[in-house]
Amino acid sequence: MMTVKEVSRLSGVSVRTLHYYDEIELLIPAEITEAGYRLYDENSLRKLQDIMLFRELEFPLADIKRIIDSPGFNREKALEDQIQLLKLIPGDITFSDRCGALNS
């Protein structure tokens, strides 16, 4: 288990952002100690990686939550699609490109 500070240091995502992700139930800690410390496990870190990749593609947080919480979410397929999208020239990526690649 890692503390929010350790996850922040490892990922480059601010502590405040991690707290916000918890508030909006995008990334819920695996455990909260009696003292109120947020603790993250390997599954949490994988989910954070997914979130970060979608954010890199400029997906809104609400869409990210909907996608990764959907029963049919396939992490491996999503990572493959994201890699393909990241290879595109940034100016050429449109919202429909992002959505289309994830739905194919």
C-alpha atoms as a PDB file:
ATOM      1  CA  MET A   1       0.000   0.000   0.000  1.00  0.00           C
ATOM      2  CA  MET A   2       1.145   3.506  -0.778  1.00  0.00           C
ATOM      3  CA  THR A   3       0.143   6.807   0.777  1.00  0.00           C
ATOM      4  CA  VAL A   4      -1.301   9.627  -1.292  1.00  0.00           C
ATOM      5  CA  LYS A   5       2.026  11.453  -1.012  1.00  0.00           C
ATOM      6  CA  GLU A   6       3.922   8.423  -2.339  1.00  0.00           C
ATOM      7  CA  VAL A   7       1.478   7.989  -5.216  1.00  0.00           C
ATOM      8  CA  SER A   8       1.792  11.681  -6.003  1.00  0.00           C
ATOM      9  CA  ARG A   9       5.565  11.475  -6.064  1.00  0.00           C
ATOM     10  CA  LEU A  10       5.519   8.319  -8.205  1.00  0.00           C
ATOM     11  CA  SER A  11       2.902   9.527 -10.713  1.00  0.00           C
ATOM     12  CA  GLY A  12       3.463  13.261 -10.869  1.00  0.00           C
ATOM     13  CA  VAL A  13      -0.221  13.827 -10.039  1.00  0.00           C
ATOM     14  CA  SER A  14      -0.639  16.337  -7.238  1.00  0.00           C
ATOM     15  CA  VAL A  15      -1.941  15.319  -3.833  1.00  0.00           C
ATOM     16  CA  ARG A  16      -4.803  17.775  -4.304  1.00  0.00           C
ATOM     17  CA  THR A  17      -5.751  16.160  -7.615  1.00  0.00           C
ATOM     18  CA  LEU A  18      -5.714  12.704  -6.018  1.00  0.00           C
ATOM     19  CA  HIS A  19      -7.973  14.027  -3.257  1.00  0.00           C
ATOM     20  CA  TYR A  20     -10.287  15.486  -5.911  1.00  0.00           C
ATOM     21  CA  TYR A  21     -10.385  12.171  -7.797  1.00  0.00           C
ATOM     22  CA  ASP A  22     -11.482  10.587  -4.518  1.00  0.00           C
ATOM     23  CA  GLU A  23     -14.150  13.275  -3.985  1.00  0.00           C
ATOM     24  CA  ILE A  24     -15.684  12.640  -7.414  1.00  0.00           C
ATOM     25  CA  GLU A  25     -15.271   8.867  -6.965  1.00  0.00           C
ATOM     26  CA  LEU A  26     -12.976   8.560  -9.971  1.00  0.00           C
ATOM     27  CA  LEU A  27     -10.115   7.019  -7.982  1.00  0.00           C
ATOM     28  CA  ILE A  28     -11.152   5.770  -4.580  1.00  0.00           C
ATOM     29  CA  PRO A  29      -8.338   4.682  -2.248  1.00  0.00           C
ATOM     30  CA  ALA A  30      -8.167   0.981  -1.476  1.00  0.00           C
ATOM     31  CA  GLU A  31      -8.209   1.839   2.206  1.00  0.00           C
ATOM     32  CA  ILE A  32      -8.507   4.828   4.515  1.00  0.00           C
ATOM     33  CA  THR A  33      -6.765   4.490   7.854  1.00  0.00           C
ATOM     34  CA  GLU A  34      -8.332   5.411  11.184  1.00  0.00           C
ATOM     35  CA  ALA A  35      -6.243   8.581  11.033  1.00  0.00           C
ATOM     36  CA  GLY A  36      -7.801   9.420   7.635  1.00  0.00           C
ATOM     37  CA  TYR A  37      -4.796   8.622   5.442  1.00  0.00           C
ATOM     38  CA  ARG A  38      -5.634   7.424   1.955  1.00  0.00           C
ATOM     39  CA  LEU A  39      -3.843   4.236   0.930  1.00  0.00           C
ATOM     40  CA  TYR A  40      -3.574   2.949  -2.626  1.00  0.00           C
ATOM     41  CA  ASP A  41      -2.889  -0.604  -3.819  1.00  0.00           C
ATOM     42  CA  GLU A  42      -1.740  -2.016  -7.185  1.00  0.00           C
ATOM     43  CA  ASN A  43      -5.280  -1.921  -8.591  1.00  0.00           C
ATOM     44  CA  SER A  44      -5.539   1.749  -7.653  1.00  0.00           C
ATOM     45  CA  LEU A  45      -2.252   2.482  -9.414  1.00  0.00           C
ATOM     46  CA  ARG A  46      -3.428   0.694 -12.566  1.00  0.00           C
ATOM     47  CA  LYS A  47      -6.631   2.719 -12.513  1.00  0.00           C
ATOM     48  CA  LEU A  48      -4.619   5.920 -12.043  1.00  0.00           C
ATOM     49  CA  GLN A  49      -2.536   4.953 -15.075  1.00  0.00           C
ATOM     50  CA  ASP A  50      -5.728   4.572 -17.105  1.00  0.00           C
ATOM     51  CA  ILE A  51      -6.955   7.959 -15.893  1.00  0.00           C
ATOM     52  CA  MET A  52      -3.645   9.608 -16.771  1.00  0.00           C
ATOM     53  CA  LEU A  53      -3.674   8.158 -20.291  1.00  0.00           C
ATOM     54  CA  PHE A  54      -7.218   9.381 -20.916  1.00  0.00           C
ATOM     55  CA  ARG A  55      -6.285  12.803 -19.502  1.00  0.00           C
ATOM     56  CA  GLU A  56      -3.322  12.924 -21.893  1.00  0.00           C
ATOM     57  CA  LEU A  57      -5.884  12.551 -24.668  1.00  0.00           C
ATOM     58  CA  GLU A  58      -7.870  15.419 -23.099  1.00  0.00           C
ATOM     59  CA  PHE A  59     -10.918  13.380 -22.154  1.00  0.00           C
ATOM     60  CA  PRO A  60     -13.158  15.090 -19.581  1.00  0.00           C
ATOM     61  CA  LEU A  61     -13.115  13.475 -16.129  1.00  0.00           C
ATOM     62  CA  ALA A  62     -16.818  12.580 -16.340  1.00  0.00           C
ATOM     63  CA  ASP A  63     -16.190  10.655 -19.574  1.00  0.00           C
ATOM     64  CA  ILE A  64     -13.159   8.902 -18.077  1.00  0.00           C
ATOM     65  CA  LYS A  65     -15.223   7.798 -15.086  1.00  0.00           C
ATOM     66  CA  ARG A  66     -18.007   6.534 -17.335  1.00  0.00           C
ATOM     67  CA  ILE A  67     -15.568   4.620 -19.561  1.00  0.00           C
ATOM     68  CA  ILE A  68     -13.433   2.951 -16.903  1.00  0.00           C
ATOM     69  CA  ASP A  69     -16.419   2.135 -14.680  1.00  0.00           C
ATOM     70  CA  SER A  70     -18.384   0.509 -17.508  1.00  0.00           C
ATOM     71  CA  PRO A  71     -18.743  -3.274 -17.249  1.00  0.00           C
ATOM     72  CA  GLY A  72     -17.350  -3.780 -20.758  1.00  0.00           C
ATOM     73  CA  PHE A  73     -14.170  -1.760 -20.174  1.00  0.00           C
ATOM     74  CA  ASN A  74     -11.207  -3.671 -21.559  1.00  0.00           C
ATOM     75  CA  ARG A  75      -8.038  -2.158 -20.126  1.00  0.00           C
ATOM     76  CA  GLU A  76      -5.681  -3.830 -22.595  1.00  0.00           C
ATOM     77  CA  LYS A  77      -7.745  -2.725 -25.623  1.00  0.00           C
ATOM     78  CA  ALA A  78      -8.029   0.801 -24.237  1.00  0.00           C
ATOM     79  CA  LEU A  79      -4.246   1.006 -23.755  1.00  0.00           C
ATOM     80  CA  GLU A  80      -3.661  -0.187 -27.329  1.00  0.00           C
ATOM     81  CA  ASP A  81      -6.128   2.412 -28.646  1.00  0.00           C
ATOM     82  CA  GLN A  82      -4.545   5.169 -26.558  1.00  0.00           C
ATOM     83  CA  ILE A  83      -1.081   4.326 -27.846  1.00  0.00           C
ATOM     84  CA  GLN A  84      -2.352   4.576 -31.420  1.00  0.00           C
ATOM     85  CA  LEU A  85      -4.008   7.925 -30.694  1.00  0.00           C
ATOM     86  CA  LEU A  86      -0.871   9.278 -29.023  1.00  0.00           C
ATOM     87  CA  LYS A  87       1.085   8.508 -32.193  1.00  0.00           C
ATOM     88  CA  LEU A  88      -1.079  10.968 -34.121  1.00  0.00           C
ATOM     89  CA  ILE A  89       0.080  14.542 -34.520  1.00  0.00           C
ATOM     90  CA  PRO A  90      -1.544  16.395 -31.579  1.00  0.00           C
ATOM     91  CA  GLY A  91      -3.160  19.005 -33.838  1.00  0.00           C
ATOM     92  CA  ASP A  92      -4.841  16.268 -35.858  1.00  0.00           C
ATOM     93  CA  ILE A  93      -6.647  14.623 -32.928  1.00  0.00           C
ATOM     94  CA  THR A  94     -10.315  15.556 -32.716  1.00  0.00           C
ATOM     95  CA  PHE A  95     -12.932  14.547 -30.193  1.00  0.00           C
ATOM     96  CA  SER A  96     -14.539  12.217 -32.744  1.00  0.00           C
ATOM     97  CA  ASP A  97     -11.122  10.579 -33.378  1.00  0.00           C
ATOM     98  CA  ARG A  98     -10.749   9.903 -29.660  1.00  0.00           C
ATOM     99  CA  CYS A  99     -14.257   8.470 -29.329  1.00  0.00           C
ATOM    100  CA  GLY A 100     -14.103   6.503 -32.563  1.00  0.00           C
ATOM    101  CA  ALA A 101     -10.866   4.743 -31.643  1.00  0.00           C
ATOM    102  CA  LEU A 102     -12.295   3.641 -28.314  1.00  0.00           C
ATOM    103  CA  ASN A 103     -15.472   2.316 -29.887  1.00  0.00           C
ATOM    104  CA  SER A 104     -13.765   0.294 -32.620  1.00  0.00           C
END
